[in-house]
Amino acid sequence: MNPIARFLRSGAKLRFKALGLATIKDIPTEQFNTLLDSLISSGWQKTYVYDGFDAWIDYGQVKLEKDGARLNCEWDNWTEGSIEGQAGLIKEIGKSYGLRVTDEWRWSQYDPKP
């Protein structure tokens, strides 16, 4: 991996841990869409929707906010859906929907292993 990319990725991973974030990764597309609709129906507000030329073809992102809490919901056509936010909140969502929670940044799975 390029040293600059490695440096930037390590900064992102450090930020992730310092902020006490967690992720639910590899959510199948249909389940991800249902979960996103459910969150919005329960009062989460969209604060950002990715609208690039490839939106929801190759990549999609929705940021949600409710009562000061924030969720970052991403989807791509390789790993499907993920939801990132404060660890306690993500654990609640994971438990409610039977999804596995990790304390790793979504993209860290692509880092070279020592």
N, C-alpha and C. Protein backbone atom coordinates (compact mmCIF):
# COMPACT_ATOMS: atom_id res chain seq x y z
N MET A 1 0.85 -1.17 0.00
CA MET A 1 0.00 0.00 0.00
C MET A 1 0.90 1.24 0.00
N ASN A 2 0.51 2.23 -0.73
CA ASN A 2 1.19 3.52 -0.82
C ASN A 2 1.34 4.11 0.59
N PRO A 3 2.52 4.64 0.95
CA PRO A 3 2.72 5.19 2.30
C PRO A 3 1.76 6.33 2.66
N ILE A 4 1.41 7.15 1.70
CA ILE A 4 0.47 8.25 1.97
C ILE A 4 -0.91 7.67 2.26
N ALA A 5 -1.33 6.71 1.46
CA ALA A 5 -2.63 6.07 1.70
C ALA A 5 -2.64 5.37 3.05
N ARG A 6 -1.54 4.70 3.39
CA ARG A 6 -1.45 4.01 4.68
C ARG A 6 -1.58 5.01 5.83
N PHE A 7 -0.91 6.16 5.70
CA PHE A 7 -0.97 7.21 6.72
C PHE A 7 -2.41 7.72 6.87
N LEU A 8 -3.06 8.02 5.76
CA LEU A 8 -4.43 8.54 5.80
C LEU A 8 -5.39 7.51 6.40
N ARG A 9 -5.23 6.26 6.02
CA ARG A 9 -6.11 5.21 6.55
C ARG A 9 -5.88 5.01 8.04
N SER A 10 -4.63 5.09 8.48
CA SER A 10 -4.37 4.92 9.91
C SER A 10 -4.97 6.08 10.70
N GLY A 11 -4.97 7.28 10.12
CA GLY A 11 -5.63 8.42 10.77
C GLY A 11 -7.12 8.22 10.89
N ALA A 12 -7.73 7.70 9.83
CA ALA A 12 -9.18 7.43 9.85
C ALA A 12 -9.52 6.37 10.89
N LYS A 13 -8.69 5.33 10.98
CA LYS A 13 -8.95 4.27 11.96
C LYS A 13 -8.76 4.78 13.39
N LEU A 14 -7.76 5.62 13.60
CA LEU A 14 -7.52 6.20 14.92
C LEU A 14 -8.70 7.09 15.33
N ARG A 15 -9.17 7.92 14.41
CA ARG A 15 -10.34 8.78 14.65
C ARG A 15 -11.55 7.93 15.02
N PHE A 16 -11.75 6.84 14.30
CA PHE A 16 -12.87 5.94 14.54
C PHE A 16 -12.86 5.42 15.97
N LYS A 17 -11.70 4.95 16.42
CA LYS A 17 -11.57 4.41 17.78
C LYS A 17 -11.69 5.51 18.83
N ALA A 18 -11.06 6.67 18.58
CA ALA A 18 -11.08 7.78 19.54
C ALA A 18 -12.50 8.30 19.78
N LEU A 19 -13.33 8.25 18.75
CA LEU A 19 -14.71 8.74 18.87
C LEU A 19 -15.68 7.68 19.40
N GLY A 20 -15.18 6.48 19.65
CA GLY A 20 -16.04 5.42 20.20
C GLY A 20 -17.10 4.94 19.22
N LEU A 21 -16.70 4.79 17.96
CA LEU A 21 -17.65 4.38 16.93
C LEU A 21 -17.64 2.87 16.76
N ALA A 22 -18.69 2.37 16.15
CA ALA A 22 -18.81 0.95 15.81
C ALA A 22 -19.51 0.85 14.46
N THR A 23 -19.43 -0.32 13.86
CA THR A 23 -19.99 -0.54 12.52
C THR A 23 -20.74 -1.86 12.46
N ILE A 24 -21.79 -1.86 11.69
CA ILE A 24 -22.44 -3.10 11.25
C ILE A 24 -22.08 -3.19 9.77
N LYS A 25 -21.35 -4.24 9.38
CA LYS A 25 -20.88 -4.38 8.00
C LYS A 25 -21.59 -5.53 7.30
N ASP A 26 -21.44 -5.52 5.99
CA ASP A 26 -21.90 -6.62 5.14
C ASP A 26 -23.38 -6.93 5.30
N ILE A 27 -24.20 -5.89 5.37
CA ILE A 27 -25.65 -6.07 5.46
C ILE A 27 -26.17 -6.33 4.05
N PRO A 28 -26.83 -7.45 3.80
CA PRO A 28 -27.37 -7.71 2.46
C PRO A 28 -28.26 -6.55 2.00
N THR A 29 -28.21 -6.25 0.71
CA THR A 29 -28.86 -5.07 0.15
C THR A 29 -30.33 -4.95 0.56
N GLU A 30 -31.09 -6.00 0.41
CA GLU A 30 -32.52 -5.93 0.74
C GLU A 30 -32.72 -5.61 2.22
N GLN A 31 -31.95 -6.25 3.08
CA GLN A 31 -32.06 -5.99 4.52
C GLN A 31 -31.59 -4.57 4.85
N PHE A 32 -30.54 -4.10 4.17
CA PHE A 32 -30.05 -2.73 4.36
C PHE A 32 -31.14 -1.72 4.01
N ASN A 33 -31.79 -1.92 2.86
CA ASN A 33 -32.87 -1.00 2.45
C ASN A 33 -34.02 -1.01 3.45
N THR A 34 -34.40 -2.18 3.94
CA THR A 34 -35.46 -2.29 4.94
C THR A 34 -35.06 -1.59 6.23
N LEU A 35 -33.83 -1.79 6.66
CA LEU A 35 -33.33 -1.16 7.88
C LEU A 35 -33.30 0.36 7.74
N LEU A 36 -32.84 0.85 6.61
CA LEU A 36 -32.80 2.29 6.36
C LEU A 36 -34.21 2.88 6.39
N ASP A 37 -35.16 2.23 5.73
CA ASP A 37 -36.56 2.68 5.76
C ASP A 37 -37.10 2.68 7.18
N SER A 38 -36.78 1.66 7.95
CA SER A 38 -37.25 1.54 9.33
C SER A 38 -36.69 2.68 10.19
N LEU A 39 -35.42 2.98 10.03
CA LEU A 39 -34.81 4.08 10.80
C LEU A 39 -35.48 5.41 10.47
N ILE A 40 -35.71 5.65 9.19
CA ILE A 40 -36.35 6.90 8.76
C ILE A 40 -37.78 6.96 9.29
N SER A 41 -38.50 5.85 9.26
CA SER A 41 -39.87 5.80 9.79
C SER A 41 -39.92 6.04 11.29
N SER A 42 -38.82 5.71 11.99
CA SER A 42 -38.81 5.89 13.44
C SER A 42 -38.28 7.26 13.87
N GLY A 43 -38.16 8.18 12.91
CA GLY A 43 -37.82 9.55 13.27
C GLY A 43 -36.44 10.03 12.89
N TRP A 44 -35.61 9.17 12.33
CA TRP A 44 -34.30 9.61 11.87
C TRP A 44 -34.49 10.48 10.63
N GLN A 45 -33.77 11.60 10.59
CA GLN A 45 -33.88 12.54 9.47
C GLN A 45 -32.65 12.43 8.57
N LYS A 46 -32.89 12.46 7.27
CA LYS A 46 -31.77 12.46 6.31
C LYS A 46 -31.11 13.84 6.36
N THR A 47 -29.80 13.86 6.56
CA THR A 47 -29.06 15.12 6.52
C THR A 47 -28.15 15.19 5.30
N TYR A 48 -27.95 14.06 4.64
CA TYR A 48 -27.14 14.01 3.44
C TYR A 48 -27.49 12.76 2.66
N VAL A 49 -27.60 12.90 1.34
CA VAL A 49 -27.79 11.76 0.46
C VAL A 49 -26.81 11.92 -0.70
N TYR A 50 -25.97 10.92 -0.91
CA TYR A 50 -25.02 10.94 -2.03
C TYR A 50 -25.81 10.94 -3.32
N ASP A 51 -25.47 11.87 -4.23
CA ASP A 51 -26.21 11.95 -5.49
C ASP A 51 -25.28 12.00 -6.70
N GLY A 52 -24.13 11.34 -6.60
CA GLY A 52 -23.21 11.28 -7.73
C GLY A 52 -23.82 10.49 -8.89
N PHE A 53 -23.14 10.52 -10.01
CA PHE A 53 -23.65 9.85 -11.21
C PHE A 53 -23.84 8.35 -11.00
N ASP A 54 -23.11 7.77 -10.04
CA ASP A 54 -23.21 6.34 -9.77
C ASP A 54 -24.04 6.01 -8.53
N ALA A 55 -24.82 7.00 -8.07
CA ALA A 55 -25.59 6.82 -6.83
C ALA A 55 -26.49 5.59 -6.90
N TRP A 56 -26.29 4.69 -5.94
CA TRP A 56 -27.06 3.47 -5.75
C TRP A 56 -26.90 2.49 -6.92
N ILE A 57 -25.90 2.72 -7.77
CA ILE A 57 -25.51 1.74 -8.78
C ILE A 57 -24.24 1.06 -8.30
N ASP A 58 -23.21 1.88 -8.02
CA ASP A 58 -21.95 1.37 -7.48
C ASP A 58 -21.76 1.74 -6.02
N TYR A 59 -22.33 2.87 -5.62
CA TYR A 59 -22.11 3.39 -4.26
C TYR A 59 -23.29 4.27 -3.86
N GLY A 60 -23.64 4.21 -2.58
CA GLY A 60 -24.66 5.10 -2.04
C GLY A 60 -24.35 5.43 -0.60
N GLN A 61 -24.77 6.60 -0.17
CA GLN A 61 -24.55 7.02 1.21
C GLN A 61 -25.70 7.90 1.67
N VAL A 62 -26.15 7.64 2.89
CA VAL A 62 -27.16 8.47 3.54
C VAL A 62 -26.66 8.73 4.95
N LYS A 63 -26.68 9.99 5.35
CA LYS A 63 -26.36 10.33 6.74
C LYS A 63 -27.67 10.68 7.42
N LEU A 64 -27.85 10.12 8.62
CA LEU A 64 -29.08 10.32 9.38
C LEU A 64 -28.76 10.97 10.72
N GLU A 65 -29.74 11.72 11.24
CA GLU A 65 -29.57 12.34 12.55
C GLU A 65 -30.89 12.29 13.31
N LYS A 66 -30.77 12.05 14.63
CA LYS A 66 -31.94 12.04 15.50
C LYS A 66 -31.47 12.36 16.92
N ASP A 67 -32.08 13.38 17.51
CA ASP A 67 -31.75 13.78 18.89
C ASP A 67 -30.24 13.95 19.10
N GLY A 68 -29.56 14.52 18.13
CA GLY A 68 -28.12 14.77 18.25
C GLY A 68 -27.25 13.58 17.89
N ALA A 69 -27.83 12.41 17.72
CA ALA A 69 -27.06 11.21 17.33
C ALA A 69 -26.98 11.16 15.80
N ARG A 70 -25.90 10.61 15.30
CA ARG A 70 -25.70 10.54 13.85
C ARG A 70 -25.35 9.13 13.41
N LEU A 71 -25.85 8.77 12.25
CA LEU A 71 -25.53 7.49 11.63
C LEU A 71 -25.03 7.75 10.22
N ASN A 72 -24.03 7.01 9.81
CA ASN A 72 -23.54 7.06 8.44
C ASN A 72 -23.87 5.71 7.80
N CYS A 73 -24.75 5.73 6.82
CA CYS A 73 -25.20 4.50 6.15
C CYS A 73 -24.59 4.49 4.75
N GLU A 74 -23.83 3.44 4.44
CA GLU A 74 -23.19 3.34 3.14
C GLU A 74 -23.53 2.01 2.49
N TRP A 75 -23.53 2.02 1.17
CA TRP A 75 -23.79 0.81 0.41
C TRP A 75 -22.87 0.83 -0.81
N ASP A 76 -22.33 -0.32 -1.16
CA ASP A 76 -21.64 -0.45 -2.44
C ASP A 76 -21.95 -1.83 -3.00
N ASN A 77 -21.68 -1.99 -4.28
CA ASN A 77 -22.08 -3.24 -4.92
C ASN A 77 -21.13 -4.40 -4.65
N TRP A 78 -20.08 -4.20 -3.84
CA TRP A 78 -19.18 -5.29 -3.47
C TRP A 78 -19.48 -5.83 -2.08
N THR A 79 -19.54 -4.92 -1.09
CA THR A 79 -19.72 -5.36 0.29
C THR A 79 -21.13 -5.12 0.80
N GLU A 80 -21.96 -4.50 -0.03
CA GLU A 80 -23.35 -4.17 0.29
C GLU A 80 -23.41 -3.15 1.42
N GLY A 81 -24.33 -3.25 2.38
CA GLY A 81 -24.58 -2.16 3.31
C GLY A 81 -23.74 -2.16 4.57
N SER A 82 -23.60 -0.95 5.13
CA SER A 82 -22.97 -0.79 6.45
C SER A 82 -23.59 0.42 7.14
N ILE A 83 -23.59 0.37 8.46
CA ILE A 83 -24.08 1.49 9.27
C ILE A 83 -23.04 1.75 10.35
N GLU A 84 -22.66 3.02 10.47
CA GLU A 84 -21.62 3.42 11.41
C GLU A 84 -22.17 4.52 12.32
N GLY A 85 -21.81 4.46 13.60
CA GLY A 85 -22.22 5.48 14.55
C GLY A 85 -21.66 5.18 15.92
N GLN A 86 -22.15 5.90 16.93
CA GLN A 86 -21.70 5.67 18.30
C GLN A 86 -21.93 4.21 18.68
N ALA A 87 -20.95 3.63 19.35
CA ALA A 87 -20.98 2.19 19.64
C ALA A 87 -22.26 1.74 20.34
N GLY A 88 -22.72 2.47 21.35
CA GLY A 88 -23.93 2.07 22.07
C GLY A 88 -25.14 2.00 21.16
N LEU A 89 -25.28 2.99 20.31
CA LEU A 89 -26.41 3.05 19.38
C LEU A 89 -26.32 1.92 18.35
N ILE A 90 -25.13 1.71 17.81
CA ILE A 90 -24.95 0.65 16.81
C ILE A 90 -25.22 -0.72 17.43
N LYS A 91 -24.81 -0.92 18.68
CA LYS A 91 -25.09 -2.19 19.36
C LYS A 91 -26.59 -2.40 19.53
N GLU A 92 -27.34 -1.34 19.85
CA GLU A 92 -28.80 -1.44 19.96
C GLU A 92 -29.41 -1.85 18.63
N ILE A 93 -28.98 -1.19 17.56
CA ILE A 93 -29.50 -1.51 16.22
C ILE A 93 -29.14 -2.95 15.85
N GLY A 94 -27.90 -3.34 16.10
CA GLY A 94 -27.47 -4.71 15.81
C GLY A 94 -28.31 -5.73 16.54
N LYS A 95 -28.56 -5.48 17.82
CA LYS A 95 -29.37 -6.41 18.61
C LYS A 95 -30.80 -6.48 18.09
N SER A 96 -31.38 -5.32 17.77
CA SER A 96 -32.76 -5.26 17.29
C SER A 96 -32.95 -6.00 15.97
N TYR A 97 -31.92 -5.98 15.12
CA TYR A 97 -32.06 -6.56 13.79
C TYR A 97 -31.24 -7.84 13.61
N GLY A 98 -30.65 -8.33 14.68
CA GLY A 98 -29.88 -9.57 14.60
C GLY A 98 -28.64 -9.46 13.73
N LEU A 99 -27.96 -8.31 13.82
CA LEU A 99 -26.78 -8.06 13.00
C LEU A 99 -25.53 -7.98 13.86
N ARG A 100 -24.42 -8.42 13.31
CA ARG A 100 -23.13 -8.44 14.03
C ARG A 100 -22.50 -7.05 14.02
N VAL A 101 -22.03 -6.61 15.18
CA VAL A 101 -21.40 -5.30 15.35
C VAL A 101 -19.90 -5.49 15.51
N THR A 102 -19.13 -4.60 14.91
CA THR A 102 -17.67 -4.61 15.06
C THR A 102 -17.20 -3.21 15.45
N ASP A 103 -16.08 -3.16 16.15
CA ASP A 103 -15.52 -1.87 16.54
C ASP A 103 -14.47 -1.40 15.53
N GLU A 104 -14.48 -1.99 14.35
CA GLU A 104 -13.54 -1.60 13.30
C GLU A 104 -14.23 -0.74 12.26
N TRP A 105 -13.45 0.18 11.71
CA TRP A 105 -13.89 1.02 10.61
C TRP A 105 -14.23 0.14 9.41
N ARG A 106 -15.25 0.50 8.69
CA ARG A 106 -15.74 -0.31 7.57
C ARG A 106 -14.65 -0.71 6.59
N TRP A 107 -13.79 0.21 6.23
CA TRP A 107 -12.80 -0.04 5.19
C TRP A 107 -11.54 -0.70 5.70
N SER A 108 -11.41 -0.92 7.01
CA SER A 108 -10.18 -1.50 7.55
C SER A 108 -9.95 -2.94 7.09
N GLN A 109 -10.99 -3.61 6.63
CA GLN A 109 -10.82 -4.99 6.16
C GLN A 109 -9.93 -5.07 4.93
N TYR A 110 -9.69 -3.94 4.27
CA TYR A 110 -8.86 -3.94 3.07
C TYR A 110 -7.41 -3.60 3.35
N ASP A 111 -7.07 -3.32 4.61
CA ASP A 111 -5.69 -3.03 4.97
C ASP A 111 -4.86 -4.30 4.89
N PRO A 112 -3.59 -4.16 4.51
CA PRO A 112 -2.73 -5.35 4.50
C PRO A 112 -2.55 -5.88 5.92
N LYS A 113 -2.56 -7.17 6.06
CA LYS A 113 -2.40 -7.81 7.37
C LYS A 113 -0.91 -8.02 7.64
N PRO A 114 -0.47 -7.77 8.90
CA PRO A 114 0.96 -7.94 9.22
C PRO A 114 1.39 -9.39 9.14
